[in-house]
Amino acid sequence: MIKSIEIINNNYPDECKYMSNVFNQGDKFEFTNGLNILVGTNGSGKSSLLKLLRVYTMCDEIGRSRVTNDSVKQLINFYKLDSNYELRDAAKIIADYRISTYSTLDSARCNSYSGVNVPQAFLYNSELKSKSDGQSILARTDLISMYMNDTSTHRFDESLEFSLKSEYNRLVKPYFKKNSIDELRFTVILDEPDKNLDIENIEMVENDLLLSTKTSQIIAAIHNPIMIYRLSKLNNVNFIELTEGYIDKINKLINKLN
């Protein structure tokens, strides 16, 4: 489970320099058990925040938390040396680092990881390729819902052999230890599970997301105003507004149409 993320500084690697235009030093976002929804205008930082969460939980490249050369390099790239040559990180993420975090992969990246032990629920597999974008998203959400309600333990995977083991032990593990909590609940990160859905399928995806959180945590960026409106009426959904007053704006607009 991920409890919170705090922006420590804006020293992002070159490929993520755009984040310095989105977040300010000291920005903090808190998450709860169950369903967490990121909302805001285009460019407000929803996908950027998910990117940071994926990098620091080492699931950005493969789709689940796994220690590899690529994931170690990517995370270390978010560290910077200060004037005393001490490490300082771009973000502080409080989480249970013993448990895996999962993230869906797009079709192009999935082709590179066919042999990796990532649950099919998080891959763009051959069955989904035969469906439209909206149908494939709905089918994948169904798979995720079934998978997440499995009561088996989802341990953080440190089993692979990799050449950067000394860097991992020296730089990454101390960060995990310093920012770890005891909360054995795994997390799934979803970017736009509402994308390309028609009105009939919105409710089905909502149900999948809500059912999935009985034994897990979901952190999702949602754009669809109708889905945001419907979920905002529930007491068990934690909203993180990256644009202040965004939910009120949606509610006022939909109520006006009514």
Protein backbone atom coordinates (compact mmCIF):
# COMPACT_ATOMS: atom_id res chain seq x y z
CA MET A 1 0.00 0.00 0.00
CA ILE A 2 1.13 3.54 -0.78
CA LYS A 3 0.29 6.00 2.00
CA SER A 4 1.59 9.30 0.60
CA ILE A 5 3.93 11.08 -1.78
CA GLU A 6 5.70 14.36 -1.01
CA ILE A 7 7.69 16.39 -3.54
CA ILE A 8 11.11 17.02 -1.99
CA ASN A 9 12.76 18.97 -4.82
CA ASN A 10 12.47 19.53 -8.56
CA ASN A 11 15.74 17.88 -9.57
CA TYR A 12 14.14 15.47 -12.00
CA PRO A 13 16.09 13.58 -14.68
CA ASP A 14 16.06 15.07 -18.16
CA GLU A 15 13.17 12.94 -19.46
CA CYS A 16 10.98 14.18 -16.59
CA LYS A 17 11.96 17.86 -16.48
CA TYR A 18 8.37 18.77 -17.35
CA MET A 19 7.37 17.73 -13.83
CA SER A 20 9.03 20.87 -12.44
CA ASN A 21 6.27 22.85 -14.17
CA VAL A 22 3.58 20.75 -12.51
CA PHE A 23 4.66 20.19 -8.90
CA ASN A 24 6.05 22.52 -6.26
CA GLN A 25 8.47 21.61 -3.51
CA GLY A 26 6.47 20.53 -0.47
CA ASP A 27 3.41 19.34 -2.40
CA LYS A 28 1.99 16.29 -0.61
CA PHE A 29 -0.72 13.85 -1.66
CA GLU A 30 -2.19 11.25 0.70
CA PHE A 31 -3.85 7.94 -0.19
CA THR A 32 -6.10 5.56 1.70
CA ASN A 33 -7.09 1.92 1.57
CA GLY A 34 -9.49 1.18 -1.27
CA LEU A 35 -10.15 3.45 -4.23
CA ASN A 36 -8.16 6.66 -4.74
CA ILE A 37 -9.03 8.88 -7.70
CA LEU A 38 -6.81 11.61 -9.16
CA VAL A 39 -8.77 14.35 -10.92
CA GLY A 40 -7.90 17.68 -12.52
CA THR A 41 -7.63 19.58 -15.77
CA ASN A 42 -5.40 18.50 -18.63
CA GLY A 43 -1.78 19.16 -17.67
CA SER A 44 -2.48 19.31 -13.93
CA GLY A 45 -0.11 16.42 -13.17
CA LYS A 46 -2.28 13.30 -12.89
CA SER A 47 -0.15 11.12 -15.17
CA SER A 48 3.05 12.70 -13.82
CA LEU A 49 2.11 11.75 -10.27
CA LEU A 50 1.40 8.18 -11.37
CA LYS A 51 4.78 8.13 -13.14
CA LEU A 52 6.57 9.04 -9.91
CA LEU A 53 4.67 6.35 -7.99
CA ARG A 54 5.58 3.72 -10.61
CA VAL A 55 9.27 4.66 -10.66
CA TYR A 56 9.71 4.63 -6.89
CA THR A 57 7.85 1.34 -6.48
CA MET A 58 9.88 -0.12 -9.37
CA CYS A 59 6.94 -1.15 -11.55
CA ASP A 60 7.23 1.40 -14.36
CA GLU A 61 9.22 -0.77 -16.77
CA ILE A 62 7.72 -4.22 -16.26
CA GLY A 63 4.26 -3.74 -14.77
CA ARG A 64 4.92 -5.06 -11.29
CA SER A 65 7.47 -4.25 -8.60
CA ARG A 66 10.63 -6.05 -9.60
CA VAL A 67 14.32 -5.36 -9.06
CA THR A 68 16.12 -5.31 -12.41
CA ASN A 69 18.99 -3.32 -13.86
CA ASP A 70 16.50 -1.07 -15.64
CA SER A 71 14.35 -0.40 -12.58
CA VAL A 72 17.41 0.29 -10.40
CA LYS A 73 18.90 2.67 -12.98
CA GLN A 74 15.59 4.46 -13.38
CA LEU A 75 15.14 5.00 -9.65
CA ILE A 76 18.74 6.05 -9.02
CA ASN A 77 18.32 8.57 -11.85
CA PHE A 78 15.76 10.35 -9.64
CA TYR A 79 18.39 10.86 -6.92
CA LYS A 80 20.66 13.92 -6.83
CA LEU A 81 23.83 14.70 -4.87
CA ASP A 82 23.79 17.85 -2.76
CA SER A 83 26.80 19.99 -1.87
CA ASN A 84 27.81 17.51 0.84
CA TYR A 85 27.62 14.64 -1.66
CA GLU A 86 24.70 13.14 0.18
CA LEU A 87 21.80 11.62 -1.68
CA ARG A 88 18.53 13.47 -1.80
CA ASP A 89 15.54 12.26 -3.74
CA ALA A 90 12.97 14.04 -5.86
CA ALA A 91 10.06 12.50 -3.97
CA LYS A 92 9.38 10.87 -0.64
CA ILE A 93 6.92 8.01 -0.96
CA ILE A 94 5.66 6.31 2.20
CA ALA A 95 4.65 2.74 1.37
CA ASP A 96 4.92 -0.90 2.34
CA TYR A 97 7.84 -1.83 0.10
CA ARG A 98 7.53 -5.54 0.92
CA ILE A 99 4.44 -5.76 -1.28
CA SER A 100 4.22 -5.42 -5.06
CA THR A 101 2.71 -2.49 -6.88
CA TYR A 102 1.17 -3.23 -10.28
CA SER A 103 0.62 -1.07 -13.33
CA THR A 104 -0.91 -1.81 -16.72
CA LEU A 105 1.41 -1.79 -19.72
CA ASP A 106 0.55 -0.55 -23.19
CA SER A 107 0.71 -2.86 -26.20
CA ALA A 108 4.13 -1.72 -27.45
CA ARG A 109 5.87 -2.32 -24.14
CA CYS A 110 4.07 -5.61 -23.44
CA ASN A 111 5.72 -7.21 -26.46
CA SER A 112 9.09 -6.86 -24.72
CA TYR A 113 8.01 -8.64 -21.55
CA SER A 114 6.20 -11.73 -22.78
CA GLY A 115 8.43 -13.95 -20.64
CA VAL A 116 8.20 -11.91 -17.47
CA ASN A 117 5.96 -13.03 -14.63
CA VAL A 118 3.39 -10.26 -14.88
CA PRO A 119 -0.26 -11.27 -14.39
CA GLN A 120 -2.15 -11.27 -17.69
CA ALA A 121 -4.66 -8.88 -16.15
CA PHE A 122 -2.07 -6.12 -16.52
CA LEU A 123 -0.93 -6.93 -20.05
CA TYR A 124 -2.37 -5.98 -23.41
CA ASN A 125 -2.64 -9.62 -24.50
CA SER A 126 -3.74 -11.25 -27.76
CA GLU A 127 -7.36 -11.51 -26.63
CA LEU A 128 -7.55 -7.77 -26.03
CA LYS A 129 -5.98 -6.98 -29.41
CA SER A 130 -9.10 -8.28 -31.16
CA LYS A 131 -11.32 -5.78 -29.34
CA SER A 132 -11.92 -2.08 -29.75
CA ASP A 133 -10.11 0.29 -27.38
CA GLY A 134 -13.17 0.67 -25.17
CA GLN A 135 -13.92 -3.07 -25.14
CA SER A 136 -10.31 -3.96 -24.32
CA ILE A 137 -10.24 -1.52 -21.40
CA LEU A 138 -13.43 -3.01 -20.00
CA ALA A 139 -12.14 -6.58 -20.45
CA ARG A 140 -8.86 -5.71 -18.78
CA THR A 141 -10.65 -4.08 -15.84
CA ASP A 142 -12.68 -7.27 -15.40
CA LEU A 143 -9.46 -9.31 -15.32
CA ILE A 144 -7.88 -6.93 -12.82
CA SER A 145 -10.95 -7.16 -10.59
CA MET A 146 -10.78 -10.97 -10.51
CA TYR A 147 -7.03 -10.99 -9.96
CA MET A 148 -7.04 -8.42 -7.16
CA ASN A 149 -9.60 -10.33 -5.13
CA ASP A 150 -7.26 -13.31 -5.02
CA THR A 151 -6.15 -13.57 -1.39
CA SER A 152 -2.62 -14.77 -2.20
CA THR A 153 0.33 -12.65 -1.06
CA HIS A 154 1.94 -10.34 -3.61
CA ARG A 155 5.50 -10.05 -2.39
CA PHE A 156 7.97 -7.52 -3.78
CA ASP A 157 10.17 -9.48 -6.20
CA GLU A 158 13.91 -9.32 -5.48
CA SER A 159 14.65 -12.74 -6.94
CA LEU A 160 16.19 -11.82 -10.30
CA GLU A 161 19.92 -11.72 -10.83
CA PHE A 162 21.14 -8.27 -11.85
CA SER A 163 24.53 -6.59 -12.07
CA LEU A 164 23.57 -3.45 -10.11
CA LYS A 165 23.04 -5.32 -6.85
CA SER A 166 25.59 -3.21 -4.95
CA GLU A 167 23.90 0.02 -6.09
CA TYR A 168 20.53 -1.41 -5.12
CA ASN A 169 21.76 -2.36 -1.63
CA ARG A 170 23.60 0.94 -1.12
CA LEU A 171 21.10 3.43 -2.54
CA VAL A 172 17.65 1.91 -2.97
CA LYS A 173 17.14 -0.38 0.01
CA PRO A 174 17.97 2.36 2.57
CA TYR A 175 15.34 4.58 0.93
CA PHE A 176 12.78 1.76 1.18
CA LYS A 177 13.68 1.10 4.82
CA LYS A 178 13.49 4.78 5.77
CA ASN A 179 10.08 5.30 4.17
CA SER A 180 8.42 1.95 4.84
CA ILE A 181 5.18 1.27 6.71
CA ASP A 182 3.60 -1.99 7.86
CA GLU A 183 0.50 -2.35 5.68
CA LEU A 184 0.27 -5.65 3.79
CA ARG A 185 -2.01 -4.47 1.01
CA PHE A 186 -0.89 -4.38 -2.62
CA THR A 187 -1.50 -1.46 -4.96
CA VAL A 188 -2.62 -1.15 -8.57
CA ILE A 189 -1.91 2.05 -10.52
CA LEU A 190 -4.27 2.81 -13.39
CA ASP A 191 -4.04 5.68 -15.84
CA GLU A 192 -7.39 6.43 -17.54
CA PRO A 193 -9.34 3.20 -16.98
CA ASP A 194 -12.31 5.24 -18.22
CA LYS A 195 -10.75 6.02 -21.61
CA ASN A 196 -12.99 5.44 -24.67
CA LEU A 197 -15.88 4.02 -22.63
CA ASP A 198 -19.47 4.49 -23.70
CA ILE A 199 -22.15 5.38 -21.17
CA GLU A 200 -23.24 1.76 -20.62
CA ASN A 201 -19.75 0.56 -19.74
CA ILE A 202 -18.93 3.35 -17.29
CA GLU A 203 -21.01 1.72 -14.56
CA MET A 204 -19.39 -1.68 -15.21
CA VAL A 205 -15.89 -0.25 -14.77
CA GLU A 206 -17.00 1.59 -11.63
CA ASN A 207 -18.23 -1.69 -10.15
CA ASP A 208 -14.98 -3.45 -11.06
CA LEU A 209 -12.92 -0.74 -9.38
CA LEU A 210 -15.02 -0.75 -6.23
CA LEU A 211 -15.05 -4.55 -5.95
CA SER A 212 -11.30 -4.72 -6.49
CA THR A 213 -10.49 -2.66 -3.41
CA LYS A 214 -11.72 -5.14 -0.79
CA THR A 215 -8.23 -6.62 -0.42
CA SER A 216 -6.13 -4.01 -2.19
CA GLN A 217 -5.58 -0.37 -3.06
CA ILE A 218 -6.23 1.34 -6.40
CA ILE A 219 -4.76 4.68 -7.41
CA ALA A 220 -6.32 5.81 -10.70
CA ALA A 221 -6.40 8.96 -12.83
CA ILE A 222 -9.93 9.52 -14.13
CA HIS A 223 -11.05 12.00 -16.81
CA ASN A 224 -14.67 11.10 -17.54
CA PRO A 225 -16.89 13.76 -15.88
CA ILE A 226 -19.83 11.37 -15.50
CA MET A 227 -17.71 8.77 -13.71
CA ILE A 228 -16.19 11.44 -11.48
CA TYR A 229 -19.66 12.76 -10.68
CA ARG A 230 -21.00 9.31 -9.79
CA LEU A 231 -17.98 8.32 -7.68
CA SER A 232 -18.03 11.66 -5.84
CA LYS A 233 -21.39 10.66 -4.33
CA LEU A 234 -19.79 7.68 -2.54
CA ASN A 235 -18.28 7.91 0.93
CA ASN A 236 -15.63 5.23 0.36
CA VAL A 237 -13.71 6.94 -2.45
CA ASN A 238 -10.71 9.16 -1.72
CA PHE A 239 -10.38 12.00 -4.24
CA ILE A 240 -7.11 13.84 -4.83
CA GLU A 241 -7.75 17.10 -6.66
CA LEU A 242 -4.81 18.37 -8.66
CA THR A 243 -6.97 21.27 -9.75
CA GLU A 244 -8.63 22.94 -6.78
CA GLY A 245 -12.41 22.90 -6.93
CA TYR A 246 -12.50 20.54 -9.92
CA ILE A 247 -15.13 18.17 -8.48
CA ASP A 248 -17.41 21.06 -7.52
CA LYS A 249 -17.10 22.39 -11.06
CA ILE A 250 -18.17 19.03 -12.50
CA ASN A 251 -21.05 18.70 -10.04
CA LYS A 252 -22.33 22.18 -10.87
CA LEU A 253 -22.13 21.51 -14.60
CA ILE A 254 -23.99 18.18 -14.42
CA ASN A 255 -26.59 19.52 -12.00
CA LYS A 256 -27.17 22.44 -14.37
CA LEU A 257 -27.79 19.98 -17.23
CA ASN A 258 -30.29 18.14 -15.06
